[in-house]
């Protein structure tokens, strides 16, 4: 295999093992065997397990961003915000273990992926504020923090109980409450 194919095989194997066994159960031995390489090859490409996990997160974030970029603005901030929320939740539902690596909860430093996602959200909310789409008293910072907190709460609940039939309703309910709390509707005067 050429270098890029080997790296891709290791990333795909790691993502598969993570999905099946979780972070704690993901053994590098199983990963390199699934990729069809020997241990030194894994360490050559990624240094150690942490380096491999970081690369899996970066790879997943690139896929996440590609999905987000496919969502072209509609011109309606409410529709766009809902679509962005739904794309984020769909990614978390499809990749729950990797998502938890991308967006760790707790006191640790957020991953580069989480920081970039937050930056992109803030940029979008800055644009909405400039267009007068945020409710009175809602700043881009407040909107960013509020949406991020709500979104990560929803995705954490979904990742904990991925088979719960109420997940779609949970997401839509919180999403719509956040949209109503943060954005002006078309019939509101400025």
N, C-alpha and C. Protein backbone atom coordinates (compact mmCIF):
# COMPACT_ATOMS: atom_id res chain seq x y z
N UNK A 1 0.84 -1.19 0.00
CA UNK A 1 0.00 0.00 0.00
C UNK A 1 0.88 1.24 0.00
N UNK A 2 0.39 2.27 -0.68
CA UNK A 2 1.08 3.55 -0.63
C UNK A 2 0.74 4.24 0.69
N UNK A 3 1.52 5.24 1.02
CA UNK A 3 1.37 5.92 2.32
C UNK A 3 -0.06 6.39 2.58
N UNK A 4 -0.66 7.06 1.61
CA UNK A 4 -2.01 7.60 1.83
C UNK A 4 -3.04 6.48 1.99
N UNK A 5 -2.88 5.40 1.25
CA UNK A 5 -3.80 4.26 1.39
C UNK A 5 -3.64 3.60 2.75
N UNK A 6 -2.41 3.48 3.23
CA UNK A 6 -2.15 2.89 4.54
C UNK A 6 -2.76 3.76 5.64
N UNK A 7 -2.54 5.04 5.53
CA UNK A 7 -3.11 5.97 6.52
C UNK A 7 -4.63 5.88 6.53
N UNK A 8 -5.24 5.87 5.33
CA UNK A 8 -6.69 5.76 5.22
C UNK A 8 -7.19 4.45 5.82
N UNK A 9 -6.48 3.36 5.55
CA UNK A 9 -6.88 2.06 6.09
C UNK A 9 -6.84 2.07 7.61
N UNK A 10 -5.82 2.70 8.17
CA UNK A 10 -5.72 2.79 9.64
C UNK A 10 -6.83 3.66 10.22
N UNK A 11 -7.12 4.78 9.58
CA UNK A 11 -8.21 5.65 10.06
C UNK A 11 -9.55 4.93 9.99
N UNK A 12 -9.81 4.24 8.89
CA UNK A 12 -11.07 3.51 8.75
C UNK A 12 -11.18 2.38 9.77
N UNK A 13 -10.08 1.67 9.98
CA UNK A 13 -10.08 0.59 10.98
C UNK A 13 -10.30 1.15 12.38
N UNK A 14 -9.66 2.26 12.68
CA UNK A 14 -9.83 2.88 14.00
C UNK A 14 -11.27 3.33 14.20
N UNK A 15 -11.86 3.95 13.19
CA UNK A 15 -13.26 4.40 13.30
C UNK A 15 -14.18 3.21 13.51
N UNK A 16 -13.93 2.11 12.82
CA UNK A 16 -14.77 0.92 12.97
C UNK A 16 -14.64 0.32 14.37
N UNK A 17 -13.42 0.23 14.85
CA UNK A 17 -13.20 -0.34 16.19
C UNK A 17 -13.80 0.58 17.25
N UNK A 18 -13.65 1.87 17.09
CA UNK A 18 -14.25 2.81 18.03
C UNK A 18 -15.77 2.65 18.07
N UNK A 19 -16.38 2.54 16.91
CA UNK A 19 -17.84 2.39 16.83
C UNK A 19 -18.29 1.11 17.53
N UNK A 20 -17.51 0.05 17.41
CA UNK A 20 -17.87 -1.24 18.00
C UNK A 20 -17.55 -1.35 19.48
N UNK A 21 -16.41 -0.77 19.89
CA UNK A 21 -15.91 -1.03 21.23
C UNK A 21 -15.79 0.20 22.13
N UNK A 22 -15.98 1.37 21.56
CA UNK A 22 -15.81 2.59 22.34
C UNK A 22 -14.34 2.94 22.49
N UNK A 23 -14.09 4.10 23.06
CA UNK A 23 -12.72 4.58 23.20
C UNK A 23 -11.90 3.66 24.10
N UNK A 24 -12.45 3.30 25.25
CA UNK A 24 -11.70 2.47 26.19
C UNK A 24 -11.44 1.07 25.65
N UNK A 25 -12.33 0.56 24.81
CA UNK A 25 -12.17 -0.79 24.28
C UNK A 25 -11.40 -0.86 22.97
N UNK A 26 -11.03 0.28 22.43
CA UNK A 26 -10.32 0.31 21.14
C UNK A 26 -8.84 0.01 21.37
N UNK A 27 -8.42 -1.18 20.98
CA UNK A 27 -7.02 -1.59 21.14
C UNK A 27 -6.27 -1.35 19.83
N UNK A 28 -5.07 -0.78 19.95
CA UNK A 28 -4.28 -0.52 18.75
C UNK A 28 -3.98 -1.83 18.00
N UNK A 29 -3.81 -2.91 18.72
CA UNK A 29 -3.53 -4.20 18.07
C UNK A 29 -4.66 -4.58 17.11
N UNK A 30 -5.89 -4.46 17.56
CA UNK A 30 -7.02 -4.76 16.68
C UNK A 30 -7.07 -3.80 15.50
N UNK A 31 -6.75 -2.55 15.74
CA UNK A 31 -6.81 -1.55 14.67
C UNK A 31 -5.79 -1.86 13.58
N UNK A 32 -4.53 -2.08 13.95
CA UNK A 32 -3.54 -2.32 12.90
C UNK A 32 -3.76 -3.65 12.21
N UNK A 33 -4.28 -4.64 12.93
CA UNK A 33 -4.59 -5.92 12.27
C UNK A 33 -5.72 -5.75 11.25
N UNK A 34 -6.76 -5.01 11.63
CA UNK A 34 -7.87 -4.76 10.69
C UNK A 34 -7.40 -4.00 9.47
N UNK A 35 -6.44 -3.12 9.66
CA UNK A 35 -5.92 -2.34 8.54
C UNK A 35 -4.96 -3.15 7.68
N UNK A 36 -4.57 -4.31 8.17
CA UNK A 36 -3.67 -5.17 7.40
C UNK A 36 -2.22 -4.72 7.43
N UNK A 37 -1.84 -4.09 8.55
CA UNK A 37 -0.45 -3.64 8.70
C UNK A 37 0.09 -4.13 10.04
N UNK A 38 1.35 -3.86 10.26
CA UNK A 38 2.00 -4.22 11.52
C UNK A 38 2.06 -3.00 12.44
N UNK A 39 2.29 -3.26 13.71
CA UNK A 39 2.31 -2.20 14.72
C UNK A 39 3.22 -1.02 14.35
N UNK A 40 4.45 -1.26 13.89
CA UNK A 40 5.31 -0.11 13.59
C UNK A 40 4.71 0.85 12.56
N UNK A 41 3.89 0.32 11.66
CA UNK A 41 3.27 1.18 10.65
C UNK A 41 2.30 2.16 11.31
N UNK A 42 1.50 1.66 12.25
CA UNK A 42 0.57 2.54 12.97
C UNK A 42 1.35 3.63 13.69
N UNK A 43 2.41 3.24 14.38
CA UNK A 43 3.18 4.21 15.16
C UNK A 43 3.95 5.17 14.25
N UNK A 44 4.34 4.70 13.08
CA UNK A 44 5.02 5.57 12.11
C UNK A 44 4.07 6.70 11.67
N UNK A 45 2.82 6.35 11.40
CA UNK A 45 1.87 7.34 10.91
C UNK A 45 1.30 8.25 12.00
N UNK A 46 1.12 7.70 13.21
CA UNK A 46 0.38 8.46 14.23
C UNK A 46 1.11 8.65 15.56
N UNK A 47 2.24 8.01 15.75
CA UNK A 47 3.01 8.18 16.98
C UNK A 47 2.55 7.28 18.10
N UNK A 48 1.28 7.37 18.45
CA UNK A 48 0.72 6.55 19.52
C UNK A 48 -0.80 6.52 19.38
N UNK A 49 -1.47 5.88 20.34
CA UNK A 49 -2.92 5.77 20.27
C UNK A 49 -3.58 7.15 20.30
N UNK A 50 -3.06 8.04 21.13
CA UNK A 50 -3.63 9.39 21.21
C UNK A 50 -3.52 10.09 19.85
N UNK A 51 -2.36 9.95 19.20
CA UNK A 51 -2.18 10.55 17.88
C UNK A 51 -3.16 9.98 16.87
N UNK A 52 -3.40 8.68 16.96
CA UNK A 52 -4.38 8.05 16.07
C UNK A 52 -5.78 8.57 16.36
N UNK A 53 -6.15 8.68 17.63
CA UNK A 53 -7.48 9.20 17.99
C UNK A 53 -7.63 10.64 17.52
N UNK A 54 -6.58 11.44 17.65
CA UNK A 54 -6.62 12.82 17.17
C UNK A 54 -6.83 12.86 15.66
N UNK A 55 -6.18 11.95 14.94
CA UNK A 55 -6.33 11.89 13.48
C UNK A 55 -7.74 11.44 13.11
N UNK A 56 -8.31 10.51 13.87
CA UNK A 56 -9.69 10.08 13.61
C UNK A 56 -10.64 11.26 13.80
N UNK A 57 -10.40 12.05 14.83
CA UNK A 57 -11.23 13.23 15.10
C UNK A 57 -11.08 14.23 13.95
N UNK A 58 -9.86 14.48 13.51
CA UNK A 58 -9.64 15.42 12.40
C UNK A 58 -10.33 14.94 11.14
N UNK A 59 -10.22 13.65 10.86
CA UNK A 59 -10.87 13.07 9.69
C UNK A 59 -12.38 13.21 9.79
N UNK A 60 -12.93 12.91 10.95
CA UNK A 60 -14.38 13.03 11.16
C UNK A 60 -14.82 14.48 11.03
N UNK A 61 -14.01 15.40 11.53
CA UNK A 61 -14.37 16.81 11.45
C UNK A 61 -14.37 17.28 10.01
N UNK A 62 -13.46 16.78 9.20
CA UNK A 62 -13.46 17.14 7.78
C UNK A 62 -14.75 16.66 7.11
N UNK A 63 -15.19 15.45 7.45
CA UNK A 63 -16.46 14.94 6.91
C UNK A 63 -17.62 15.79 7.41
N UNK A 64 -17.59 16.15 8.67
CA UNK A 64 -18.63 16.98 9.27
C UNK A 64 -18.71 18.33 8.55
N UNK A 65 -17.56 18.96 8.33
CA UNK A 65 -17.54 20.25 7.65
C UNK A 65 -18.02 20.13 6.20
N UNK A 66 -17.65 19.04 5.54
CA UNK A 66 -18.10 18.83 4.16
C UNK A 66 -19.62 18.75 4.11
N UNK A 67 -20.21 18.07 5.09
CA UNK A 67 -21.68 17.99 5.16
C UNK A 67 -22.27 19.37 5.41
N UNK A 68 -21.66 20.13 6.29
CA UNK A 68 -22.16 21.47 6.59
C UNK A 68 -22.04 22.39 5.38
N UNK A 69 -20.94 22.26 4.63
CA UNK A 69 -20.74 23.12 3.45
C UNK A 69 -21.76 22.84 2.35
N UNK A 70 -22.27 21.62 2.32
CA UNK A 70 -23.29 21.30 1.32
C UNK A 70 -24.60 22.03 1.58
N UNK A 71 -24.76 22.54 2.77
CA UNK A 71 -25.97 23.29 3.12
C UNK A 71 -25.78 24.74 2.70
N UNK A 72 -26.29 25.07 1.58
CA UNK A 72 -26.21 26.44 1.08
C UNK A 72 -27.23 27.31 1.82
N UNK A 73 -26.86 28.54 2.14
CA UNK A 73 -27.82 29.43 2.80
C UNK A 73 -29.08 29.62 1.95
N UNK A 74 -30.21 29.61 2.64
CA UNK A 74 -31.50 29.77 1.94
C UNK A 74 -31.94 31.23 1.91
N UNK A 75 -31.31 32.06 2.75
CA UNK A 75 -31.76 33.44 2.88
C UNK A 75 -32.71 33.62 4.05
N UNK A 76 -33.16 32.52 4.62
CA UNK A 76 -34.05 32.56 5.79
C UNK A 76 -33.25 32.06 6.99
N UNK A 77 -32.92 32.97 7.92
CA UNK A 77 -32.08 32.56 9.04
C UNK A 77 -32.68 31.45 9.90
N UNK A 78 -33.99 31.42 10.02
CA UNK A 78 -34.64 30.37 10.82
C UNK A 78 -34.44 29.02 10.15
N UNK A 79 -34.67 28.96 8.86
CA UNK A 79 -34.48 27.72 8.11
C UNK A 79 -33.02 27.28 8.17
N UNK A 80 -32.11 28.22 7.96
CA UNK A 80 -30.69 27.89 7.96
C UNK A 80 -30.22 27.38 9.32
N UNK A 81 -30.68 28.02 10.38
CA UNK A 81 -30.28 27.58 11.71
C UNK A 81 -30.83 26.18 12.00
N UNK A 82 -32.07 25.94 11.63
CA UNK A 82 -32.65 24.60 11.82
C UNK A 82 -31.88 23.55 11.02
N UNK A 83 -31.55 23.86 9.79
CA UNK A 83 -30.81 22.91 8.95
C UNK A 83 -29.43 22.62 9.54
N UNK A 84 -28.76 23.66 10.02
CA UNK A 84 -27.45 23.46 10.64
C UNK A 84 -27.54 22.59 11.88
N UNK A 85 -28.54 22.86 12.71
CA UNK A 85 -28.77 22.06 13.91
C UNK A 85 -28.99 20.60 13.52
N UNK A 86 -29.91 20.39 12.57
CA UNK A 86 -30.25 19.02 12.17
C UNK A 86 -29.06 18.28 11.59
N UNK A 87 -28.21 18.97 10.83
CA UNK A 87 -27.01 18.33 10.27
C UNK A 87 -26.06 17.93 11.39
N UNK A 88 -25.92 18.79 12.39
CA UNK A 88 -25.04 18.50 13.53
C UNK A 88 -25.55 17.26 14.29
N UNK A 89 -26.83 17.24 14.57
CA UNK A 89 -27.42 16.10 15.30
C UNK A 89 -27.32 14.82 14.48
N UNK A 90 -27.55 14.92 13.19
CA UNK A 90 -27.45 13.73 12.32
C UNK A 90 -26.03 13.17 12.35
N UNK A 91 -25.04 14.04 12.33
CA UNK A 91 -23.66 13.59 12.40
C UNK A 91 -23.39 12.88 13.73
N UNK A 92 -23.87 13.45 14.82
CA UNK A 92 -23.68 12.84 16.14
C UNK A 92 -24.37 11.48 16.22
N UNK A 93 -25.56 11.37 15.65
CA UNK A 93 -26.29 10.10 15.67
C UNK A 93 -25.56 9.04 14.86
N UNK A 94 -24.96 9.44 13.75
CA UNK A 94 -24.27 8.49 12.88
C UNK A 94 -22.90 8.10 13.41
N UNK A 95 -22.31 8.96 14.25
CA UNK A 95 -20.93 8.76 14.73
C UNK A 95 -20.83 9.03 16.22
N UNK A 96 -21.59 8.34 17.07
CA UNK A 96 -21.66 8.74 18.47
C UNK A 96 -20.33 8.68 19.24
N UNK A 97 -19.51 7.68 18.99
CA UNK A 97 -18.25 7.58 19.74
C UNK A 97 -17.27 8.63 19.26
N UNK A 98 -17.12 8.76 17.96
CA UNK A 98 -16.20 9.76 17.42
C UNK A 98 -16.69 11.17 17.78
N UNK A 99 -18.01 11.36 17.76
CA UNK A 99 -18.57 12.65 18.14
C UNK A 99 -18.14 13.02 19.57
N UNK A 100 -18.18 12.05 20.46
CA UNK A 100 -17.79 12.33 21.84
C UNK A 100 -16.31 12.69 21.95
N UNK A 101 -15.48 12.17 21.04
CA UNK A 101 -14.08 12.59 21.01
C UNK A 101 -13.95 14.00 20.43
N UNK A 102 -14.79 14.31 19.44
CA UNK A 102 -14.75 15.63 18.82
C UNK A 102 -15.21 16.72 19.78
N UNK A 103 -16.25 16.40 20.54
CA UNK A 103 -16.88 17.38 21.42
C UNK A 103 -16.94 16.81 22.84
N UNK A 104 -15.77 16.73 23.50
CA UNK A 104 -15.75 16.15 24.84
C UNK A 104 -16.50 17.03 25.85
N UNK A 105 -17.19 16.39 26.76
CA UNK A 105 -17.88 17.16 27.80
C UNK A 105 -16.96 17.26 29.01
N UNK A 106 -17.29 18.16 29.87
CA UNK A 106 -16.50 18.28 31.10
C UNK A 106 -15.54 19.44 31.05
N UNK A 107 -14.52 19.33 31.88
CA UNK A 107 -13.61 20.45 32.10
C UNK A 107 -12.41 20.48 31.16
N UNK A 108 -12.17 19.43 30.42
CA UNK A 108 -11.00 19.38 29.55
C UNK A 108 -11.05 20.44 28.46
N UNK A 109 -9.90 20.70 27.89
CA UNK A 109 -9.81 21.66 26.79
C UNK A 109 -10.56 21.08 25.59
N UNK A 110 -11.40 21.88 24.95
CA UNK A 110 -12.13 21.39 23.77
C UNK A 110 -11.16 21.00 22.65
N UNK A 111 -11.53 20.02 21.87
CA UNK A 111 -10.72 19.60 20.74
C UNK A 111 -10.64 20.73 19.72
N UNK A 112 -9.68 20.63 18.82
CA UNK A 112 -9.57 21.60 17.74
C UNK A 112 -10.87 21.61 16.93
N UNK A 113 -11.47 20.44 16.76
CA UNK A 113 -12.72 20.33 16.02
C UNK A 113 -13.82 21.12 16.73
N UNK A 114 -13.91 20.98 18.02
CA UNK A 114 -14.94 21.69 18.78
C UNK A 114 -14.72 23.20 18.72
N UNK A 115 -13.48 23.61 18.81
CA UNK A 115 -13.18 25.05 18.75
C UNK A 115 -13.53 25.62 17.36
N UNK A 116 -13.20 24.87 16.31
CA UNK A 116 -13.52 25.32 14.95
C UNK A 116 -15.02 25.37 14.73
N UNK A 117 -15.74 24.37 15.22
CA UNK A 117 -17.19 24.34 15.08
C UNK A 117 -17.80 25.55 15.78
N UNK A 118 -17.33 25.86 16.97
CA UNK A 118 -17.83 27.00 17.72
C UNK A 118 -17.52 28.31 16.99
N UNK A 119 -16.34 28.39 16.40
CA UNK A 119 -15.96 29.59 15.63
C UNK A 119 -16.91 29.78 14.44
N UNK A 120 -17.21 28.69 13.74
CA UNK A 120 -18.11 28.78 12.59
C UNK A 120 -19.52 29.19 13.02
N UNK A 121 -19.97 28.63 14.14
CA UNK A 121 -21.28 29.00 14.66
C UNK A 121 -21.30 30.49 15.00
N UNK A 122 -20.27 30.96 15.65
CA UNK A 122 -20.20 32.37 16.03
C UNK A 122 -20.20 33.27 14.80
N UNK A 123 -19.46 32.88 13.76
CA UNK A 123 -19.46 33.68 12.53
C UNK A 123 -20.87 33.80 11.96
N UNK A 124 -21.57 32.69 11.93
CA UNK A 124 -22.94 32.72 11.42
C UNK A 124 -23.84 33.61 12.26
N UNK A 125 -23.68 33.56 13.56
CA UNK A 125 -24.50 34.39 14.45
C UNK A 125 -24.10 35.85 14.38
N UNK A 126 -22.82 36.13 14.14
CA UNK A 126 -22.40 37.52 13.90
C UNK A 126 -23.10 38.07 12.66
N UNK A 127 -23.19 37.25 11.62
CA UNK A 127 -23.89 37.67 10.39
C UNK A 127 -25.37 37.91 10.65
N UNK A 128 -25.98 37.03 11.44
CA UNK A 128 -27.39 37.21 11.77
C UNK A 128 -27.60 38.49 12.58
N UNK A 129 -26.68 38.77 13.50
CA UNK A 129 -26.79 40.00 14.29
C UNK A 129 -26.67 41.23 13.39
N UNK A 130 -25.73 41.18 12.45
CA UNK A 130 -25.54 42.30 11.53
C UNK A 130 -26.78 42.52 10.66
N UNK A 131 -27.50 41.45 10.38
CA UNK A 131 -28.72 41.55 9.57
C UNK A 131 -29.95 41.87 10.42
N UNK A 132 -29.76 42.02 11.73
CA UNK A 132 -30.88 42.34 12.61
C UNK A 132 -31.79 41.15 12.89
N UNK A 133 -31.29 39.95 12.74
CA UNK A 133 -32.12 38.76 12.90
C UNK A 133 -32.18 38.24 14.34
N UNK A 134 -31.27 38.73 15.21
CA UNK A 134 -31.32 38.28 16.60
C UNK A 134 -32.33 39.11 17.38
N UNK A 135 -32.97 38.48 18.34
CA UNK A 135 -33.93 39.20 19.20
C UNK A 135 -33.20 40.30 19.97
N UNK A 136 -33.96 41.28 20.38
CA UNK A 136 -33.41 42.37 21.17
C UNK A 136 -32.78 41.81 22.45
N UNK A 137 -31.57 42.26 22.75
CA UNK A 137 -30.86 41.83 23.95
C UNK A 137 -30.06 40.55 23.76
N UNK A 138 -30.22 39.88 22.63
CA UNK A 138 -29.47 38.66 22.36
C UNK A 138 -28.22 39.04 21.56
N UNK A 139 -27.08 38.85 22.15
CA UNK A 139 -25.82 39.14 21.47
C UNK A 139 -25.35 37.88 20.73
N UNK A 140 -24.45 38.03 19.78
CA UNK A 140 -23.89 36.85 19.13
C UNK A 140 -23.21 35.90 20.13
N UNK A 141 -22.55 36.47 21.14
CA UNK A 141 -21.91 35.63 22.15
C UNK A 141 -22.94 34.82 22.92
N UNK A 142 -24.01 35.46 23.38
CA UNK A 142 -25.05 34.76 24.12
C UNK A 142 -25.71 33.70 23.23
N UNK A 143 -25.99 34.06 21.99
CA UNK A 143 -26.62 33.12 21.07
C UNK A 143 -25.71 31.92 20.82
N UNK A 144 -24.42 32.16 20.64
CA UNK A 144 -23.46 31.08 20.41
C UNK A 144 -23.40 30.15 21.61
N UNK A 145 -23.26 30.72 22.79
CA UNK A 145 -23.17 29.89 24.00
C UNK A 145 -24.46 29.12 24.24
N UNK A 146 -25.59 29.78 24.03
CA UNK A 146 -26.89 29.14 24.25
C UNK A 146 -27.11 27.99 23.28
N UNK A 147 -26.88 28.25 22.00
CA UNK A 147 -27.06 27.19 21.00
C UNK A 147 -26.10 26.04 21.23
N UNK A 148 -24.86 26.36 21.52
CA UNK A 148 -23.86 25.32 21.75
C UNK A 148 -24.25 24.46 22.95
N UNK A 149 -24.66 25.10 24.04
CA UNK A 149 -25.05 24.34 25.24
C UNK A 149 -26.25 23.45 24.96
N UNK A 150 -27.24 23.99 24.30
CA UNK A 150 -28.44 23.21 23.99
C UNK A 150 -28.13 22.07 23.03
N UNK A 151 -27.36 22.37 22.01
CA UNK A 151 -27.01 21.36 21.01
C UNK A 151 -26.20 20.23 21.62
N UNK A 152 -25.24 20.56 22.46
CA UNK A 152 -24.42 19.52 23.06
C UNK A 152 -25.19 18.75 24.14
N UNK A 153 -26.14 19.37 24.78
CA UNK A 153 -27.00 18.63 25.69
C UNK A 153 -27.86 17.62 24.95
N UNK A 154 -28.41 18.04 23.83
CA UNK A 154 -29.24 17.13 23.02
C UNK A 154 -28.39 15.99 22.47
N UNK A 155 -27.23 16.32 21.92
CA UNK A 155 -26.42 15.25 21.34
C UNK A 155 -25.89 14.30 22.42
N UNK A 156 -25.60 14.81 23.60
CA UNK A 156 -25.17 13.93 24.70
C UNK A 156 -26.29 12.96 25.06
N UNK A 157 -27.50 13.46 25.15
CA UNK A 157 -28.65 12.60 25.46
C UNK A 157 -28.85 11.54 24.36
N UNK A 158 -28.71 11.96 23.13
CA UNK A 158 -28.88 11.03 22.01
C UNK A 158 -27.76 9.99 21.99
N UNK A 159 -26.53 10.41 22.23
CA UNK A 159 -25.41 9.46 22.24
C UNK A 159 -25.52 8.46 23.39
N UNK A 160 -26.09 8.90 24.52
CA UNK A 160 -26.29 7.99 25.65
C UNK A 160 -27.36 6.95 25.35
N UNK A 161 -28.39 7.36 24.62
CA UNK A 161 -29.52 6.47 24.31
C UNK A 161 -29.82 6.52 22.81
N UNK A 162 -28.93 5.99 21.98
CA UNK A 162 -29.11 6.11 20.54
C UNK A 162 -30.37 5.43 20.00
N UNK A 163 -30.88 4.44 20.68
CA UNK A 163 -32.06 3.71 20.19
C UNK A 163 -33.38 4.31 20.67
N UNK A 164 -33.32 5.36 21.48
CA UNK A 164 -34.54 5.95 22.01
C UNK A 164 -35.36 6.54 20.86
N UNK A 165 -36.61 6.11 20.75
CA UNK A 165 -37.48 6.56 19.66
C UNK A 165 -37.82 8.04 19.75
N UNK A 166 -37.62 8.63 20.89
CA UNK A 166 -37.95 10.04 21.06
C UNK A 166 -36.83 10.99 20.68
N UNK A 167 -35.72 10.49 20.17
CA UNK A 167 -34.57 11.35 19.88
C UNK A 167 -34.88 12.43 18.84
N UNK A 168 -35.58 12.07 17.79
CA UNK A 168 -35.89 13.06 16.75
C UNK A 168 -36.77 14.16 17.34
N UNK A 169 -37.76 13.77 18.12
CA UNK A 169 -38.66 14.74 18.75
C UNK A 169 -37.92 15.62 19.76
N UNK A 170 -37.03 14.98 20.55
CA UNK A 170 -36.21 15.73 21.51
C UNK A 170 -35.42 16.82 20.79
N UNK A 171 -34.73 16.44 19.74
CA UNK A 171 -33.91 17.39 19.00
C UNK A 171 -34.75 18.52 18.42
N UNK A 172 -35.85 18.19 17.78
CA UNK A 172 -36.70 19.21 17.16
C UNK A 172 -37.30 20.15 18.20
N UNK A 173 -37.68 19.61 19.35
CA UNK A 173 -38.28 20.44 20.40
C UNK A 173 -37.28 21.46 20.93
N UNK A 174 -36.07 21.01 21.25
CA UNK A 174 -35.05 21.92 21.79
C UNK A 174 -34.60 22.90 20.71
N UNK A 175 -34.42 22.39 19.49
CA UNK A 175 -34.02 23.27 18.37
C UNK A 175 -35.02 24.41 18.19
N UNK A 176 -36.30 24.06 18.12
CA UNK A 176 -37.32 25.08 17.87
C UNK A 176 -37.43 26.06 19.04
N UNK A 177 -37.24 25.57 20.26
CA UNK A 177 -37.25 26.47 21.42
C UNK A 177 -36.09 27.46 21.35
N UNK A 178 -34.92 26.97 20.93
CA UNK A 178 -33.76 27.86 20.82
C UNK A 178 -33.95 28.87 19.70
N UNK A 179 -34.47 28.44 18.58
CA UNK A 179 -34.72 29.37 17.47
C UNK A 179 -35.69 30.46 17.93
N UNK A 180 -36.76 30.06 18.60
CA UNK A 180 -37.76 31.03 19.08
C UNK A 180 -37.16 31.99 20.10
N UNK A 181 -36.26 31.50 20.93
CA UNK A 181 -35.67 32.34 21.97
C UNK A 181 -34.62 33.31 21.42
N UNK A 182 -33.97 32.95 20.33
CA UNK A 182 -32.83 33.73 19.87
C UNK A 182 -33.09 34.59 18.63
N UNK A 183 -33.98 34.14 17.75
CA UNK A 183 -34.16 34.83 16.47
C UNK A 183 -35.50 35.53 16.38
N UNK A 184 -35.49 36.64 15.68
CA UNK A 184 -36.73 37.34 15.36
C UNK A 184 -37.48 36.51 14.32
N UNK A 185 -38.78 36.54 14.39
CA UNK A 185 -39.55 35.90 13.33
C UNK A 185 -39.89 36.94 12.30
N UNK A 186 -40.33 36.53 11.13
CA UNK A 186 -40.60 37.45 10.02
C UNK A 186 -41.64 38.49 10.34
N UNK A 187 -42.56 38.23 11.28
CA UNK A 187 -43.63 39.18 11.57
C UNK A 187 -43.30 40.16 12.70
N UNK A 188 -42.10 40.04 13.25
CA UNK A 188 -41.69 40.96 14.32
C UNK A 188 -41.11 42.22 13.72
N UNK A 189 -41.46 43.36 14.27
CA UNK A 189 -40.86 44.62 13.80
C UNK A 189 -39.51 44.81 14.48
N UNK A 190 -38.68 45.49 13.78
CA UNK A 190 -37.33 45.75 14.35
C UNK A 190 -37.40 47.02 15.08
